[in-house]
Amino acid sequence: MRIKTLWFKLILTISFFGFPIVKAQQKEIKQVLANQKNAWNKGDILGYMQGYWKSDSLVFVGSRGLTYGWKKTLENYKKSYPTTEKMGVLEFSDLRITLLGKKNALVYGKWKLIRKEDAPGGIFSLVFQKINQEWKIISDHTQ
């Protein structure tokens, strides 16, 4: 019985002290998304791309299939959104952040563009990794 009590106290202590760390990491990830949204809404695709891992190993899965690499992803964004009118105003909603350890996280959510002629939207899942003390998107699946 004593061993169960000790285990319970240990788990409770770890949970209590680990909770602020989890909240801080989630806040950092939300800030990356907020920075992306702000850059997008200023018409700054390059600023938006700062949330992504600047690597040939970045993976983007969209309606056109798989894209590998930061540069190719940037080119695709520039091609698809050549003007601020086409970019519209970006909104994220229903964000759900699940930490998968100290350096990885999975984020689900919805996106929407508000434009004069329409308001396309969809869902996304992002894999974040902490690289050089910064959270970066290493995989993006957007529909």
C-alpha atoms as a PDB file:
ATOM      1  CA  MET A   1       0.000   0.000   0.000  1.00  0.00           C
ATOM      2  CA  ARG A   2       2.848   2.362   0.806  1.00  0.00           C
ATOM      3  CA  ILE A   3       4.411   1.853  -2.611  1.00  0.00           C
ATOM      4  CA  LYS A   4       1.128   2.794  -4.330  1.00  0.00           C
ATOM      5  CA  THR A   5       0.912   5.947  -2.234  1.00  0.00           C
ATOM      6  CA  LEU A   6       4.500   6.882  -3.076  1.00  0.00           C
ATOM      7  CA  TRP A   7       3.882   6.301  -6.804  1.00  0.00           C
ATOM      8  CA  PHE A   8       0.723   8.380  -6.633  1.00  0.00           C
ATOM      9  CA  LYS A   9       2.584  11.243  -4.938  1.00  0.00           C
ATOM     10  CA  LEU A  10       5.415  11.021  -7.469  1.00  0.00           C
ATOM     11  CA  ILE A  11       3.013  11.128 -10.425  1.00  0.00           C
ATOM     12  CA  LEU A  12       1.090  13.992  -8.842  1.00  0.00           C
ATOM     13  CA  THR A  13       4.314  15.958  -8.263  1.00  0.00           C
ATOM     14  CA  ILE A  14       5.539  15.391 -11.822  1.00  0.00           C
ATOM     15  CA  SER A  15       2.142  16.411 -13.197  1.00  0.00           C
ATOM     16  CA  PHE A  16       1.996  19.517 -11.015  1.00  0.00           C
ATOM     17  CA  PHE A  17       5.462  20.755 -11.947  1.00  0.00           C
ATOM     18  CA  GLY A  18       5.231  19.635 -15.584  1.00  0.00           C
ATOM     19  CA  PHE A  19       1.968  21.479 -16.246  1.00  0.00           C
ATOM     20  CA  PRO A  20       3.517  24.986 -16.457  1.00  0.00           C
ATOM     21  CA  ILE A  21       6.103  23.675 -18.935  1.00  0.00           C
ATOM     22  CA  VAL A  22       3.372  22.210 -21.143  1.00  0.00           C
ATOM     23  CA  LYS A  23       1.416  25.479 -21.037  1.00  0.00           C
ATOM     24  CA  ALA A  24       4.549  27.476 -21.902  1.00  0.00           C
ATOM     25  CA  GLN A  25       5.310  25.241 -24.898  1.00  0.00           C
ATOM     26  CA  GLN A  26       1.726  25.481 -26.129  1.00  0.00           C
ATOM     27  CA  LYS A  27       1.903  29.257 -25.781  1.00  0.00           C
ATOM     28  CA  GLU A  28       5.123  29.338 -27.852  1.00  0.00           C
ATOM     29  CA  ILE A  29       3.486  27.275 -30.600  1.00  0.00           C
ATOM     30  CA  LYS A  30       0.401  29.530 -30.588  1.00  0.00           C
ATOM     31  CA  GLN A  31       2.747  32.499 -30.963  1.00  0.00           C
ATOM     32  CA  VAL A  32       4.313  30.959 -34.087  1.00  0.00           C
ATOM     33  CA  LEU A  33       0.832  30.617 -35.573  1.00  0.00           C
ATOM     34  CA  ALA A  34      -0.083  34.170 -34.542  1.00  0.00           C
ATOM     35  CA  ASN A  35       3.114  35.470 -36.178  1.00  0.00           C
ATOM     36  CA  GLN A  36       2.246  33.586 -39.351  1.00  0.00           C
ATOM     37  CA  LYS A  37      -1.294  34.958 -39.373  1.00  0.00           C
ATOM     38  CA  ASN A  38      -0.054  38.509 -38.827  1.00  0.00           C
ATOM     39  CA  ALA A  39       2.528  38.235 -41.602  1.00  0.00           C
ATOM     40  CA  TRP A  40      -0.039  36.755 -43.989  1.00  0.00           C
ATOM     41  CA  ASN A  41      -2.523  39.505 -43.247  1.00  0.00           C
ATOM     42  CA  LYS A  42       0.148  42.092 -44.097  1.00  0.00           C
ATOM     43  CA  GLY A  43       0.736  40.387 -47.461  1.00  0.00           C
ATOM     44  CA  ASP A  44       4.136  39.102 -46.283  1.00  0.00           C
ATOM     45  CA  ILE A  45       4.487  35.524 -47.537  1.00  0.00           C
ATOM     46  CA  LEU A  46       8.184  35.450 -46.645  1.00  0.00           C
ATOM     47  CA  GLY A  47       7.309  36.458 -43.077  1.00  0.00           C
ATOM     48  CA  TYR A  48       4.621  33.762 -43.031  1.00  0.00           C
ATOM     49  CA  MET A  49       7.211  31.184 -44.092  1.00  0.00           C
ATOM     50  CA  GLN A  50       9.347  31.918 -41.017  1.00  0.00           C
ATOM     51  CA  GLY A  51       7.118  29.506 -39.111  1.00  0.00           C
ATOM     52  CA  TYR A  52       8.354  26.658 -41.298  1.00  0.00           C
ATOM     53  CA  TRP A  53      11.580  24.692 -40.982  1.00  0.00           C
ATOM     54  CA  LYS A  54      13.952  26.139 -43.573  1.00  0.00           C
ATOM     55  CA  SER A  55      15.045  22.773 -44.907  1.00  0.00           C
ATOM     56  CA  ASP A  56      14.762  20.574 -47.967  1.00  0.00           C
ATOM     57  CA  SER A  57      13.145  18.050 -45.600  1.00  0.00           C
ATOM     58  CA  LEU A  58      10.066  20.209 -44.918  1.00  0.00           C
ATOM     59  CA  VAL A  59       6.946  18.365 -46.124  1.00  0.00           C
ATOM     60  CA  PHE A  60       3.783  20.111 -47.307  1.00  0.00           C
ATOM     61  CA  VAL A  61       0.750  18.023 -48.246  1.00  0.00           C
ATOM     62  CA  GLY A  62      -1.984  19.920 -50.030  1.00  0.00           C
ATOM     63  CA  SER A  63      -4.586  19.541 -52.757  1.00  0.00           C
ATOM     64  CA  ARG A  64      -1.811  19.287 -55.377  1.00  0.00           C
ATOM     65  CA  GLY A  65      -0.032  16.486 -53.552  1.00  0.00           C
ATOM     66  CA  LEU A  66       3.303  16.392 -51.785  1.00  0.00           C
ATOM     67  CA  THR A  67       5.809  19.238 -51.804  1.00  0.00           C
ATOM     68  CA  TYR A  68       9.256  18.805 -50.336  1.00  0.00           C
ATOM     69  CA  GLY A  69      11.414  21.685 -49.191  1.00  0.00           C
ATOM     70  CA  TRP A  70      11.075  25.193 -47.834  1.00  0.00           C
ATOM     71  CA  LYS A  71      11.954  26.920 -51.129  1.00  0.00           C
ATOM     72  CA  LYS A  72       9.473  24.908 -53.177  1.00  0.00           C
ATOM     73  CA  THR A  73       6.756  25.539 -50.578  1.00  0.00           C
ATOM     74  CA  LEU A  74       7.509  29.276 -50.747  1.00  0.00           C
ATOM     75  CA  GLU A  75       7.337  29.191 -54.570  1.00  0.00           C
ATOM     76  CA  ASN A  76       3.962  27.428 -54.422  1.00  0.00           C
ATOM     77  CA  TYR A  77       2.576  30.011 -52.009  1.00  0.00           C
ATOM     78  CA  LYS A  78       3.788  32.864 -54.227  1.00  0.00           C
ATOM     79  CA  LYS A  79       2.239  31.212 -57.287  1.00  0.00           C
ATOM     80  CA  SER A  80      -1.091  30.536 -55.579  1.00  0.00           C
ATOM     81  CA  TYR A  81      -1.303  33.925 -53.833  1.00  0.00           C
ATOM     82  CA  PRO A  82       0.341  36.492 -56.134  1.00  0.00           C
ATOM     83  CA  THR A  83      -1.498  39.505 -54.681  1.00  0.00           C
ATOM     84  CA  THR A  84      -2.754  40.668 -51.291  1.00  0.00           C
ATOM     85  CA  GLU A  85      -6.294  40.389 -52.696  1.00  0.00           C
ATOM     86  CA  LYS A  86      -5.748  36.695 -53.405  1.00  0.00           C
ATOM     87  CA  MET A  87      -4.204  36.258 -49.955  1.00  0.00           C
ATOM     88  CA  GLY A  88      -7.162  37.814 -48.176  1.00  0.00           C
ATOM     89  CA  VAL A  89      -7.356  37.845 -44.397  1.00  0.00           C
ATOM     90  CA  LEU A  90      -6.290  34.616 -42.697  1.00  0.00           C
ATOM     91  CA  GLU A  91      -8.019  33.250 -39.621  1.00  0.00           C
ATOM     92  CA  PHE A  92      -7.253  30.146 -37.570  1.00  0.00           C
ATOM     93  CA  SER A  93      -9.778  28.471 -35.280  1.00  0.00           C
ATOM     94  CA  ASP A  94     -10.378  25.322 -33.255  1.00  0.00           C
ATOM     95  CA  LEU A  95      -6.685  24.894 -32.496  1.00  0.00           C
ATOM     96  CA  ARG A  96      -5.734  21.754 -30.623  1.00  0.00           C
ATOM     97  CA  ILE A  97      -2.113  21.362 -29.565  1.00  0.00           C
ATOM     98  CA  THR A  98      -0.815  18.010 -28.351  1.00  0.00           C
ATOM     99  CA  LEU A  99       2.758  17.799 -27.141  1.00  0.00           C
ATOM    100  CA  LEU A 100       4.541  14.627 -28.219  1.00  0.00           C
ATOM    101  CA  GLY A 101       7.519  15.062 -25.917  1.00  0.00           C
ATOM    102  CA  LYS A 102       9.776  18.002 -25.170  1.00  0.00           C
ATOM    103  CA  LYS A 103      10.600  18.794 -28.792  1.00  0.00           C
ATOM    104  CA  ASN A 104       7.596  17.687 -30.855  1.00  0.00           C
ATOM    105  CA  ALA A 105       3.969  18.682 -31.107  1.00  0.00           C
ATOM    106  CA  LEU A 106       0.939  17.961 -33.247  1.00  0.00           C
ATOM    107  CA  VAL A 107      -1.483  20.790 -34.021  1.00  0.00           C
ATOM    108  CA  TYR A 108      -4.947  20.468 -35.538  1.00  0.00           C
ATOM    109  CA  GLY A 109      -7.126  23.348 -36.579  1.00  0.00           C
ATOM    110  CA  LYS A 110      -9.226  25.127 -39.156  1.00  0.00           C
ATOM    111  CA  TRP A 111      -8.174  27.897 -41.529  1.00  0.00           C
ATOM    112  CA  LYS A 112     -10.212  30.452 -43.419  1.00  0.00           C
ATOM    113  CA  LEU A 113      -9.395  33.203 -45.899  1.00  0.00           C
ATOM    114  CA  ILE A 114     -11.745  36.148 -46.046  1.00  0.00           C
ATOM    115  CA  ARG A 115     -11.650  37.731 -49.505  1.00  0.00           C
ATOM    116  CA  LYS A 116     -13.946  40.016 -51.482  1.00  0.00           C
ATOM    117  CA  GLU A 117     -15.066  37.301 -53.878  1.00  0.00           C
ATOM    118  CA  ASP A 118     -15.118  34.270 -51.565  1.00  0.00           C
ATOM    119  CA  ALA A 119     -14.099  32.757 -48.236  1.00  0.00           C
ATOM    120  CA  PRO A 120     -12.288  29.456 -48.771  1.00  0.00           C
ATOM    121  CA  GLY A 121     -11.338  27.403 -45.765  1.00  0.00           C
ATOM    122  CA  GLY A 122     -10.429  23.980 -44.574  1.00  0.00           C
ATOM    123  CA  ILE A 123      -8.572  21.976 -41.988  1.00  0.00           C
ATOM    124  CA  PHE A 124      -4.922  21.366 -41.223  1.00  0.00           C
ATOM    125  CA  SER A 125      -2.596  19.253 -39.180  1.00  0.00           C
ATOM    126  CA  LEU A 126       0.903  20.454 -38.420  1.00  0.00           C
ATOM    127  CA  VAL A 127       3.876  18.676 -36.933  1.00  0.00           C
ATOM    128  CA  PHE A 128       6.075  21.072 -34.970  1.00  0.00           C
ATOM    129  CA  GLN A 129       9.600  20.403 -33.810  1.00  0.00           C
ATOM    130  CA  LYS A 130      11.755  22.516 -31.539  1.00  0.00           C
ATOM    131  CA  ILE A 131      14.887  23.274 -33.552  1.00  0.00           C
ATOM    132  CA  ASN A 132      17.608  25.534 -32.143  1.00  0.00           C
ATOM    133  CA  GLN A 133      15.262  26.632 -29.340  1.00  0.00           C
ATOM    134  CA  GLU A 134      12.504  27.620 -31.815  1.00  0.00           C
ATOM    135  CA  TRP A 135       9.291  25.810 -32.695  1.00  0.00           C
ATOM    136  CA  LYS A 136       9.117  25.190 -36.454  1.00  0.00           C
ATOM    137  CA  ILE A 137       6.593  23.419 -38.652  1.00  0.00           C
ATOM    138  CA  ILE A 138       8.302  20.392 -40.196  1.00  0.00           C
ATOM    139  CA  SER A 139       5.184  18.897 -41.801  1.00  0.00           C
ATOM    140  CA  ASP A 140       1.984  20.623 -42.935  1.00  0.00           C
ATOM    141  CA  HIS A 141      -1.079  18.789 -44.203  1.00  0.00           C
ATOM    142  CA  THR A 142      -3.653  21.352 -45.307  1.00  0.00           C
ATOM    143  CA  GLN A 143      -6.950  20.708 -47.051  1.00  0.00           C
END
